[in-house]
Amino acid sequence: MNTKLWSHSESDDFSRRFVDDFSLDIEVIISSESMLLTIGENKKVTSWIKCSDNFYLGIDAGRNVVHLYLDKLTPSEVESFFEAVG
């Protein structure tokens, strides 16, 4: 995973800890109980990291996070997602 973004994490300048300007395409595939977010274009997952029973990270060959998979979502959580992005 590329950690260059966190090179200022030890700095006292709080604003330097975040990426302020970036452009990113995200495709979202939603079912009634799950969501798959694909970050960027033509990204192929080489392995999955299980973070919890319902959250997984898809990693490509360069060890970049290219997919987020959320499972066992409630209808309210899916609706909240639509409200947040709409």
N, C-alpha and C. Protein backbone atom coordinates (compact mmCIF):
# COMPACT_ATOMS: atom_id res chain seq x y z
N MET A 1 0.84 -1.17 0.00
CA MET A 1 0.00 0.00 0.00
C MET A 1 0.89 1.24 0.00
N ASN A 2 0.52 2.22 -0.78
CA ASN A 2 1.30 3.45 -0.88
C ASN A 2 1.08 4.29 0.37
N THR A 3 2.13 4.50 1.13
CA THR A 3 2.01 5.27 2.37
C THR A 3 2.58 6.68 2.25
N LYS A 4 2.94 7.12 1.05
CA LYS A 4 3.51 8.45 0.87
C LYS A 4 2.54 9.55 1.31
N LEU A 5 1.22 9.28 1.20
CA LEU A 5 0.23 10.28 1.61
C LEU A 5 0.34 10.60 3.09
N TRP A 6 0.87 9.70 3.86
CA TRP A 6 0.92 9.87 5.32
C TRP A 6 2.29 10.37 5.78
N SER A 7 3.09 10.91 4.88
CA SER A 7 4.43 11.35 5.25
C SER A 7 4.42 12.47 6.29
N HIS A 8 3.32 13.18 6.39
CA HIS A 8 3.22 14.28 7.36
C HIS A 8 2.42 13.89 8.59
N SER A 9 2.20 12.61 8.80
CA SER A 9 1.34 12.18 9.91
C SER A 9 1.92 12.54 11.28
N GLU A 10 3.22 12.73 11.35
CA GLU A 10 3.84 13.10 12.62
C GLU A 10 3.89 14.62 12.81
N SER A 11 3.49 15.35 11.78
CA SER A 11 3.54 16.81 11.83
C SER A 11 2.45 17.35 12.75
N ASP A 12 2.71 18.52 13.33
CA ASP A 12 1.70 19.19 14.15
C ASP A 12 0.69 19.92 13.29
N ASP A 13 0.97 20.07 12.00
CA ASP A 13 0.07 20.75 11.08
C ASP A 13 -1.03 19.78 10.67
N PHE A 14 -2.18 19.87 11.34
CA PHE A 14 -3.26 18.91 11.14
C PHE A 14 -3.74 18.87 9.69
N SER A 15 -3.77 20.02 9.00
CA SER A 15 -4.27 20.08 7.63
C SER A 15 -3.40 19.30 6.66
N ARG A 16 -2.14 19.05 6.98
CA ARG A 16 -1.24 18.34 6.08
C ARG A 16 -1.47 16.85 6.12
N ARG A 17 -2.32 16.37 6.98
CA ARG A 17 -2.57 14.94 7.11
C ARG A 17 -3.59 14.42 6.11
N PHE A 18 -4.22 15.31 5.36
CA PHE A 18 -5.30 14.91 4.47
C PHE A 18 -5.00 15.31 3.03
N VAL A 19 -5.56 14.55 2.10
CA VAL A 19 -5.48 14.89 0.69
C VAL A 19 -6.65 15.81 0.41
N ASP A 20 -6.38 17.04 0.01
CA ASP A 20 -7.43 18.03 -0.17
C ASP A 20 -8.04 18.02 -1.57
N ASP A 21 -7.26 17.63 -2.56
CA ASP A 21 -7.73 17.73 -3.94
C ASP A 21 -7.37 16.46 -4.68
N PHE A 22 -8.38 15.73 -5.10
CA PHE A 22 -8.13 14.53 -5.89
C PHE A 22 -9.33 14.24 -6.77
N SER A 23 -9.09 13.51 -7.83
CA SER A 23 -10.15 13.12 -8.75
C SER A 23 -10.15 11.60 -8.80
N LEU A 24 -11.32 11.02 -8.61
CA LEU A 24 -11.39 9.57 -8.50
C LEU A 24 -12.74 9.09 -9.02
N ASP A 25 -12.72 8.09 -9.88
CA ASP A 25 -13.96 7.47 -10.34
C ASP A 25 -14.28 6.29 -9.45
N ILE A 26 -15.53 6.22 -9.01
CA ILE A 26 -15.98 5.10 -8.18
C ILE A 26 -17.27 4.56 -8.78
N GLU A 27 -17.27 3.27 -9.08
CA GLU A 27 -18.47 2.59 -9.57
C GLU A 27 -19.07 1.83 -8.40
N VAL A 28 -20.40 1.93 -8.24
CA VAL A 28 -21.07 1.26 -7.14
C VAL A 28 -22.10 0.30 -7.69
N ILE A 29 -22.01 -0.95 -7.26
CA ILE A 29 -23.01 -1.97 -7.60
C ILE A 29 -23.72 -2.31 -6.30
N ILE A 30 -25.05 -2.16 -6.30
CA ILE A 30 -25.82 -2.33 -5.07
C ILE A 30 -26.88 -3.40 -5.24
N SER A 31 -26.99 -4.26 -4.23
CA SER A 31 -28.11 -5.20 -4.14
C SER A 31 -28.89 -4.81 -2.89
N SER A 32 -29.90 -5.58 -2.54
CA SER A 32 -30.71 -5.23 -1.38
C SER A 32 -29.95 -5.34 -0.06
N GLU A 33 -28.86 -6.12 -0.03
CA GLU A 33 -28.13 -6.31 1.22
C GLU A 33 -26.62 -6.08 1.12
N SER A 34 -26.14 -5.68 -0.05
CA SER A 34 -24.69 -5.51 -0.18
C SER A 34 -24.35 -4.40 -1.17
N MET A 35 -23.09 -3.96 -1.10
CA MET A 35 -22.58 -2.92 -1.97
C MET A 35 -21.14 -3.25 -2.35
N LEU A 36 -20.81 -3.09 -3.62
CA LEU A 36 -19.44 -3.25 -4.10
C LEU A 36 -19.02 -1.93 -4.73
N LEU A 37 -17.97 -1.33 -4.20
CA LEU A 37 -17.45 -0.08 -4.74
C LEU A 37 -16.13 -0.38 -5.43
N THR A 38 -16.04 -0.03 -6.72
CA THR A 38 -14.82 -0.20 -7.49
C THR A 38 -14.17 1.17 -7.65
N ILE A 39 -12.93 1.29 -7.23
CA ILE A 39 -12.22 2.56 -7.23
C ILE A 39 -11.30 2.60 -8.45
N GLY A 40 -11.50 3.59 -9.31
CA GLY A 40 -10.69 3.71 -10.52
C GLY A 40 -11.21 2.82 -11.63
N GLU A 41 -10.47 2.80 -12.74
CA GLU A 41 -10.87 2.01 -13.90
C GLU A 41 -9.93 0.83 -14.09
N ASN A 42 -10.47 -0.24 -14.63
CA ASN A 42 -9.69 -1.43 -14.97
C ASN A 42 -8.86 -1.95 -13.81
N LYS A 43 -9.44 -1.97 -12.66
CA LYS A 43 -8.74 -2.45 -11.46
C LYS A 43 -9.14 -3.89 -11.19
N LYS A 44 -8.17 -4.76 -11.13
CA LYS A 44 -8.43 -6.17 -10.89
C LYS A 44 -7.94 -6.55 -9.50
N VAL A 45 -8.82 -7.18 -8.75
CA VAL A 45 -8.48 -7.61 -7.40
C VAL A 45 -7.62 -8.87 -7.47
N THR A 46 -6.52 -8.86 -6.73
CA THR A 46 -5.69 -10.06 -6.64
C THR A 46 -5.89 -10.77 -5.30
N SER A 47 -6.37 -10.03 -4.30
CA SER A 47 -6.67 -10.66 -3.01
C SER A 47 -7.66 -9.80 -2.24
N TRP A 48 -8.32 -10.43 -1.27
CA TRP A 48 -9.28 -9.75 -0.42
C TRP A 48 -8.79 -9.78 1.02
N ILE A 49 -9.01 -8.69 1.72
CA ILE A 49 -8.70 -8.60 3.14
C ILE A 49 -10.02 -8.49 3.89
N LYS A 50 -10.26 -9.43 4.78
CA LYS A 50 -11.49 -9.40 5.59
C LYS A 50 -11.25 -8.49 6.79
N CYS A 51 -11.98 -7.39 6.84
CA CYS A 51 -11.84 -6.44 7.94
C CYS A 51 -12.83 -6.73 9.06
N SER A 52 -13.99 -7.27 8.69
CA SER A 52 -15.01 -7.67 9.65
C SER A 52 -15.93 -8.66 8.95
N ASP A 53 -16.98 -9.08 9.62
CA ASP A 53 -17.90 -10.04 9.01
C ASP A 53 -18.64 -9.47 7.80
N ASN A 54 -18.68 -8.14 7.70
CA ASN A 54 -19.41 -7.56 6.57
C ASN A 54 -18.63 -6.49 5.80
N PHE A 55 -17.32 -6.41 5.99
CA PHE A 55 -16.51 -5.41 5.29
C PHE A 55 -15.21 -6.04 4.80
N TYR A 56 -14.97 -5.92 3.49
CA TYR A 56 -13.78 -6.50 2.86
C TYR A 56 -13.12 -5.44 1.98
N LEU A 57 -11.79 -5.49 1.89
CA LEU A 57 -11.03 -4.64 0.98
C LEU A 57 -10.45 -5.51 -0.12
N GLY A 58 -10.63 -5.09 -1.38
CA GLY A 58 -10.01 -5.77 -2.51
C GLY A 58 -8.72 -5.07 -2.87
N ILE A 59 -7.64 -5.83 -2.96
CA ILE A 59 -6.30 -5.29 -3.20
C ILE A 59 -5.82 -5.74 -4.58
N ASP A 60 -5.18 -4.81 -5.34
CA ASP A 60 -4.63 -5.19 -6.64
C ASP A 60 -3.19 -5.67 -6.49
N ALA A 61 -2.54 -5.98 -7.61
CA ALA A 61 -1.17 -6.50 -7.58
C ALA A 61 -0.17 -5.50 -7.00
N GLY A 62 -0.49 -4.20 -7.09
CA GLY A 62 0.38 -3.17 -6.53
C GLY A 62 0.08 -2.87 -5.07
N ARG A 63 -0.78 -3.67 -4.46
CA ARG A 63 -1.19 -3.55 -3.06
C ARG A 63 -1.98 -2.27 -2.79
N ASN A 64 -2.71 -1.80 -3.81
CA ASN A 64 -3.59 -0.65 -3.66
C ASN A 64 -5.01 -1.14 -3.41
N VAL A 65 -5.76 -0.41 -2.60
CA VAL A 65 -7.16 -0.75 -2.37
C VAL A 65 -7.94 -0.33 -3.60
N VAL A 66 -8.58 -1.29 -4.27
CA VAL A 66 -9.32 -1.00 -5.49
C VAL A 66 -10.80 -1.38 -5.39
N HIS A 67 -11.18 -2.12 -4.35
CA HIS A 67 -12.57 -2.49 -4.14
C HIS A 67 -12.91 -2.42 -2.65
N LEU A 68 -14.13 -2.00 -2.37
CA LEU A 68 -14.68 -2.09 -1.02
C LEU A 68 -15.96 -2.90 -1.14
N TYR A 69 -16.10 -3.91 -0.31
CA TYR A 69 -17.30 -4.74 -0.34
C TYR A 69 -17.96 -4.69 1.03
N LEU A 70 -19.21 -4.26 1.05
CA LEU A 70 -20.00 -4.18 2.27
C LEU A 70 -21.15 -5.18 2.14
N ASP A 71 -21.27 -6.07 3.11
CA ASP A 71 -22.28 -7.13 3.07
C ASP A 71 -23.18 -7.02 4.29
N LYS A 72 -24.33 -7.66 4.21
CA LYS A 72 -25.29 -7.73 5.32
C LYS A 72 -25.75 -6.34 5.75
N LEU A 73 -26.04 -5.49 4.76
CA LEU A 73 -26.53 -4.15 5.04
C LEU A 73 -28.03 -4.17 5.30
N THR A 74 -28.48 -3.27 6.13
CA THR A 74 -29.92 -3.12 6.37
C THR A 74 -30.49 -2.20 5.30
N PRO A 75 -31.80 -2.27 5.06
CA PRO A 75 -32.41 -1.32 4.11
C PRO A 75 -32.13 0.14 4.48
N SER A 76 -32.08 0.43 5.76
CA SER A 76 -31.80 1.78 6.23
C SER A 76 -30.39 2.22 5.85
N GLU A 77 -29.42 1.33 5.94
CA GLU A 77 -28.04 1.66 5.58
C GLU A 77 -27.91 1.90 4.08
N VAL A 78 -28.60 1.11 3.27
CA VAL A 78 -28.58 1.32 1.82
C VAL A 78 -29.23 2.66 1.49
N GLU A 79 -30.34 2.96 2.13
CA GLU A 79 -31.03 4.23 1.90
C GLU A 79 -30.15 5.41 2.32
N SER A 80 -29.44 5.28 3.43
CA SER A 80 -28.54 6.34 3.89
C SER A 80 -27.43 6.60 2.87
N PHE A 81 -26.95 5.54 2.22
CA PHE A 81 -25.93 5.71 1.19
C PHE A 81 -26.47 6.56 0.04
N PHE A 82 -27.69 6.24 -0.42
CA PHE A 82 -28.29 7.00 -1.52
C PHE A 82 -28.49 8.46 -1.12
N GLU A 83 -28.90 8.70 0.11
CA GLU A 83 -29.09 10.07 0.58
C GLU A 83 -27.76 10.82 0.62
N ALA A 84 -26.69 10.14 1.02
CA ALA A 84 -25.38 10.78 1.14
C ALA A 84 -24.80 11.16 -0.22
N VAL A 85 -25.00 10.34 -1.23
CA VAL A 85 -24.40 10.61 -2.54
C VAL A 85 -25.35 11.32 -3.49
N GLY A 86 -26.62 11.38 -3.14
CA GLY A 86 -27.61 11.99 -4.02
C GLY A 86 -27.80 13.40 -3.70
